[in-house]
Each structure stands twice: as C-alpha cells, then as structure tokens.
Amino acid sequence: MEPDEWQDRWRKTYQQAGVMLERAGLGAFAGAFGLAFRPLAPLVAQMIWVAQPASGLFGYGDAFQALALLLEAPPVAEAGDECQL
C-alpha cells in the first residue's frame, strides 16, 4: 500500500474514533485533549521517523511514513476552533 493510501486510512481511522468518542459522550474531552497535545505532533512525527526503518522490516514502513507526514502537516482549521495568534 502506498503512503497516500495509508494517509487516507489514518484519516478514516481518526474520524471513526471521533465518532465513537462522541457516541460515548467523550467528544468534548477528546477535543480538548487533542487541542492540548497538538503542539507535540511534530515531536511524535520525528519519533515515528526514527522508528520507520525498523517498521519496514515488518512490512509497515509505508504506514509509519504516512502517519509521520500527517503529523508534520500543519493542522487544518476546523469549525469551532478558536484562532490562536
């Protein structure tokens, strides 16, 4: 599977997790948690880049690469997000 396909898969998984958390009544908590830890995404992406060659041994190198690329990308403003200057 190509990195682009993995990125779509990661996005779909993220959206499904959001729906599940909303159903469980944890949507507000998950949203606050996500906003609080969003600045750490580039650090996590760098850690994934370090682990990516080893994950390639098990056939998941493209999956780790796609996740790292998604985490490095600047966040897209969503409806309801406050503007941070």
Protein backbone atom coordinates (compact mmCIF):
# COMPACT_ATOMS: atom_id res chain seq x y z
CA MET A 1 0.00 0.00 0.00
CA GLU A 2 1.32 3.44 -0.95
CA PRO A 3 1.80 6.27 1.61
CA ASP A 4 -1.15 8.20 0.12
CA GLU A 5 -3.42 5.22 0.68
CA TRP A 6 -2.13 4.90 4.23
CA GLN A 7 -2.81 8.59 4.86
CA ASP A 8 -6.41 8.13 3.77
CA ARG A 9 -6.64 5.10 6.03
CA TRP A 10 -5.21 7.02 9.02
CA ARG A 11 -7.67 9.90 8.41
CA LYS A 12 -10.59 7.47 8.23
CA THR A 13 -9.48 5.77 11.46
CA TYR A 14 -9.19 9.19 13.16
CA GLN A 15 -12.69 10.14 12.03
CA GLN A 16 -14.15 6.81 13.16
CA ALA A 17 -12.51 7.20 16.57
CA GLY A 18 -14.04 10.67 16.85
CA VAL A 19 -17.50 9.30 16.09
CA MET A 20 -17.06 6.55 18.68
CA LEU A 21 -15.93 9.03 21.32
CA GLU A 22 -18.90 11.28 20.55
CA ARG A 23 -21.28 8.34 20.99
CA ALA A 24 -19.63 7.51 24.30
CA GLY A 25 -20.11 11.10 25.48
CA LEU A 26 -16.38 11.85 25.46
CA GLY A 27 -16.32 14.18 22.46
CA ALA A 28 -15.59 17.35 24.43
CA PHE A 29 -12.86 15.66 26.45
CA ALA A 30 -11.24 14.19 23.34
CA GLY A 31 -11.40 17.55 21.57
CA ALA A 32 -9.74 19.35 24.47
CA PHE A 33 -7.11 16.62 24.73
CA GLY A 34 -6.39 16.88 21.00
CA LEU A 35 -6.03 20.65 21.11
CA ALA A 36 -3.77 20.50 24.16
CA PHE A 37 -1.41 17.97 22.62
CA ARG A 38 -1.46 19.27 19.03
CA PRO A 39 1.84 21.16 19.57
CA LEU A 40 3.53 17.81 20.34
CA ALA A 41 2.59 16.33 16.95
CA PRO A 42 5.90 17.31 15.25
CA LEU A 43 7.86 15.70 18.08
CA VAL A 44 5.84 12.49 17.77
CA ALA A 45 6.35 12.62 14.00
CA GLN A 46 10.12 12.77 14.49
CA MET A 47 9.97 9.76 16.83
CA ILE A 48 8.00 7.89 14.16
CA TRP A 49 10.59 8.79 11.52
CA VAL A 50 13.25 7.22 13.75
CA ALA A 51 11.18 4.03 14.14
CA GLN A 52 10.13 3.90 10.47
CA PRO A 53 13.12 1.88 9.15
CA ALA A 54 12.56 -0.82 11.78
CA SER A 55 8.84 -0.92 10.98
CA GLY A 56 9.79 -1.58 7.37
CA LEU A 57 11.19 -4.93 8.45
CA PHE A 58 7.65 -5.95 9.40
CA GLY A 59 6.01 -4.50 6.29
CA TYR A 60 4.61 -1.33 7.85
CA GLY A 61 7.21 1.21 6.71
CA ASP A 62 4.74 3.00 4.44
CA ALA A 63 2.14 3.16 7.23
CA PHE A 64 4.62 4.79 9.61
CA GLN A 65 5.79 7.17 6.87
CA ALA A 66 2.21 8.24 6.14
CA LEU A 67 1.46 8.81 9.83
CA ALA A 68 4.62 10.89 10.27
CA LEU A 69 3.73 13.01 7.24
CA LEU A 70 0.23 13.62 8.60
CA LEU A 71 1.58 14.65 11.99
CA GLU A 72 4.12 17.02 10.44
CA ALA A 73 1.49 18.76 8.31
CA PRO A 74 0.12 21.97 9.80
CA PRO A 75 -3.32 21.44 11.34
CA VAL A 76 -6.31 22.39 9.25
CA ALA A 77 -8.63 24.86 10.96
CA GLU A 78 -11.93 23.26 11.82
CA ALA A 79 -15.27 24.87 12.51
CA GLY A 80 -15.38 25.87 16.16
CA ASP A 81 -11.61 26.16 16.61
CA GLU A 82 -10.51 29.44 18.09
CA CYS A 83 -7.87 31.46 16.28
CA GLN A 84 -4.53 31.34 18.10
CA LEU A 85 -2.12 34.22 17.49
